[in-house]
Protein backbone atom coordinates (compact mmCIF):
# COMPACT_ATOMS: atom_id res chain seq x y z
CA MET A 1 -3.68 -19.44 10.97
CA ALA A 2 -2.09 -15.93 10.14
CA GLU A 3 1.96 -15.79 9.49
CA GLN A 4 3.35 -15.30 12.30
CA ILE A 5 6.49 -13.01 12.27
CA THR A 6 8.08 -10.72 15.27
CA GLU A 7 8.99 -8.01 13.47
CA PRO A 8 7.11 -5.83 12.66
CA ALA A 9 8.43 -4.03 9.15
CA GLN A 10 8.46 -7.45 7.98
CA ALA A 11 4.69 -8.57 8.93
CA ILE A 12 3.84 -5.25 6.83
CA ILE A 13 5.24 -5.46 4.19
CA ALA A 14 4.34 -9.24 4.11
CA ALA A 15 0.98 -8.00 4.79
CA TRP A 16 0.88 -5.57 1.70
CA ASP A 17 2.21 -8.69 -0.47
CA ARG A 18 -0.55 -10.26 0.43
CA PHE A 19 -2.86 -7.85 -0.17
CA ALA A 20 -2.03 -6.54 -2.95
CA ALA A 21 -1.35 -9.70 -4.69
CA GLY A 22 -5.02 -10.85 -4.11
CA ALA A 23 -6.49 -6.99 -5.37
CA TRP A 24 -4.30 -7.63 -8.54
CA GLU A 25 -6.11 -10.88 -8.73
CA THR A 26 -9.33 -10.39 -7.43
CA ARG A 27 -10.29 -6.32 -8.42
CA GLY A 28 -10.55 -5.01 -5.27
CA ASP A 29 -13.13 -7.80 -4.39
CA ARG A 30 -10.62 -10.46 -1.77
CA PRO A 31 -12.75 -13.43 -0.31
CA SER A 32 -12.85 -12.53 3.28
CA THR A 33 -10.42 -14.96 4.92
CA GLU A 34 -8.18 -15.07 8.73
CA GLN A 35 -5.65 -14.55 6.84
CA SER A 36 -7.05 -11.29 4.50
CA ARG A 37 -9.20 -10.21 7.71
CA ALA A 38 -5.07 -10.17 10.16
CA ASP A 39 -3.44 -8.74 6.97
CA GLU A 40 -6.06 -6.03 6.84
CA ASN A 41 -6.21 -5.06 10.57
CA LEU A 42 -2.29 -5.37 10.37
CA LEU A 43 -1.85 -2.91 7.34
CA SER A 44 -4.49 -0.20 9.25
CA ILE A 45 -3.17 -0.59 12.64
CA GLY A 46 0.25 -1.67 12.17
CA ILE A 47 2.81 0.26 13.32
CA SER A 48 6.54 0.31 12.76
CA ASP A 49 9.28 2.76 11.79
CA ASP A 50 10.25 1.51 8.79
CA PRO A 51 10.27 3.02 5.77
CA ALA A 52 9.30 0.71 3.70
CA ALA A 53 6.58 -0.50 6.09
CA VAL A 54 5.70 2.76 6.69
CA ALA A 55 5.23 3.19 2.37
CA LYS A 56 3.91 -0.03 2.02
CA LYS A 57 0.96 0.85 4.90
CA LEU A 58 0.77 4.48 3.09
CA ARG A 59 -0.37 2.47 -0.10
CA TYR A 60 -3.14 1.10 1.41
CA ALA A 61 -4.19 3.91 1.85
CA LEU A 62 -3.71 5.51 -0.67
CA TYR A 63 -5.73 2.66 -2.56
CA LEU A 64 -8.72 2.29 -0.35
CA ASN A 65 -8.89 5.87 -0.84
CA ALA A 66 -8.75 5.31 -5.08
CA THR A 67 -11.40 6.83 -6.44
CA SER A 68 -10.04 6.03 -10.24
CA PRO A 69 -8.21 2.59 -11.43
CA TRP A 70 -5.78 3.79 -12.56
CA LEU A 71 -4.97 5.65 -9.01
CA GLU A 72 -5.67 1.85 -7.83
CA ALA A 73 -2.93 0.42 -9.99
CA ALA A 74 -0.39 3.15 -8.77
CA ALA A 75 -1.11 2.04 -5.69
CA LEU A 76 0.12 -1.41 -6.17
CA GLY A 77 3.07 -0.94 -7.74
CA ALA A 78 2.50 -0.09 -11.49
CA VAL A 79 4.48 2.14 -13.17
CA VAL A 80 1.61 4.80 -14.31
CA PRO A 81 1.90 7.30 -16.85
CA ASP A 82 1.64 10.77 -16.42
CA MET A 83 1.66 10.05 -12.47
CA ALA A 84 2.11 13.83 -11.78
CA GLU A 85 0.02 15.78 -13.68
CA ARG A 86 -3.39 12.80 -12.56
CA LEU A 87 -2.52 13.69 -9.19
CA MET A 88 -2.16 17.55 -9.53
CA ALA A 89 -6.08 16.79 -11.24
CA ASP A 90 -7.84 14.83 -9.08
CA ASP A 91 -6.87 15.98 -4.74
CA THR A 92 -4.80 17.35 -2.44
CA ILE A 93 -4.60 14.27 0.03
CA ASN A 94 -3.68 11.24 -3.27
CA GLU A 95 -1.25 14.17 -4.05
CA ALA A 96 0.14 14.08 -0.07
CA ILE A 97 -0.12 10.25 0.19
CA TRP A 98 1.88 9.58 -3.36
CA SER A 99 4.96 11.84 -2.43
CA ALA A 100 5.13 10.05 1.40
CA ILE A 101 5.57 7.43 -0.63
CA VAL A 102 7.93 7.95 -2.93
CA SER A 103 9.79 9.95 -0.13
CA LEU A 104 9.75 6.68 2.02
CA GLU A 105 10.20 4.29 -0.60
CA ALA A 106 13.82 6.20 -2.42
CA MET A 107 14.88 6.53 1.20
CA GLU A 108 14.78 3.02 1.54
CA ALA A 109 16.49 2.73 -1.77
CA ARG A 110 20.12 4.66 -0.10
CA PRO A 111 22.95 2.82 0.86
């Protein structure tokens, strides 16, 4: 049964945490379970006004749009050397997604 969390932001963050952990373990070939389907549905269509939750949704979009292992790793939270230069050589969509993630995470880090 899917985990019940009443706060939308917490639910989105928890869904991302499970998705990212599974993606690292299986390299994107995750088994389809009721929980994984619910998580991916929430990451796709869930709505939140919390910057941290929106950043997780954008990480999910970046992961799905990734065309290289380094971009998948960055979406999952890895530090990728020369990220800005790599993105400029990649494409504008991923560059926009990445800059939005960094901006939202900076907002969340403010006191």
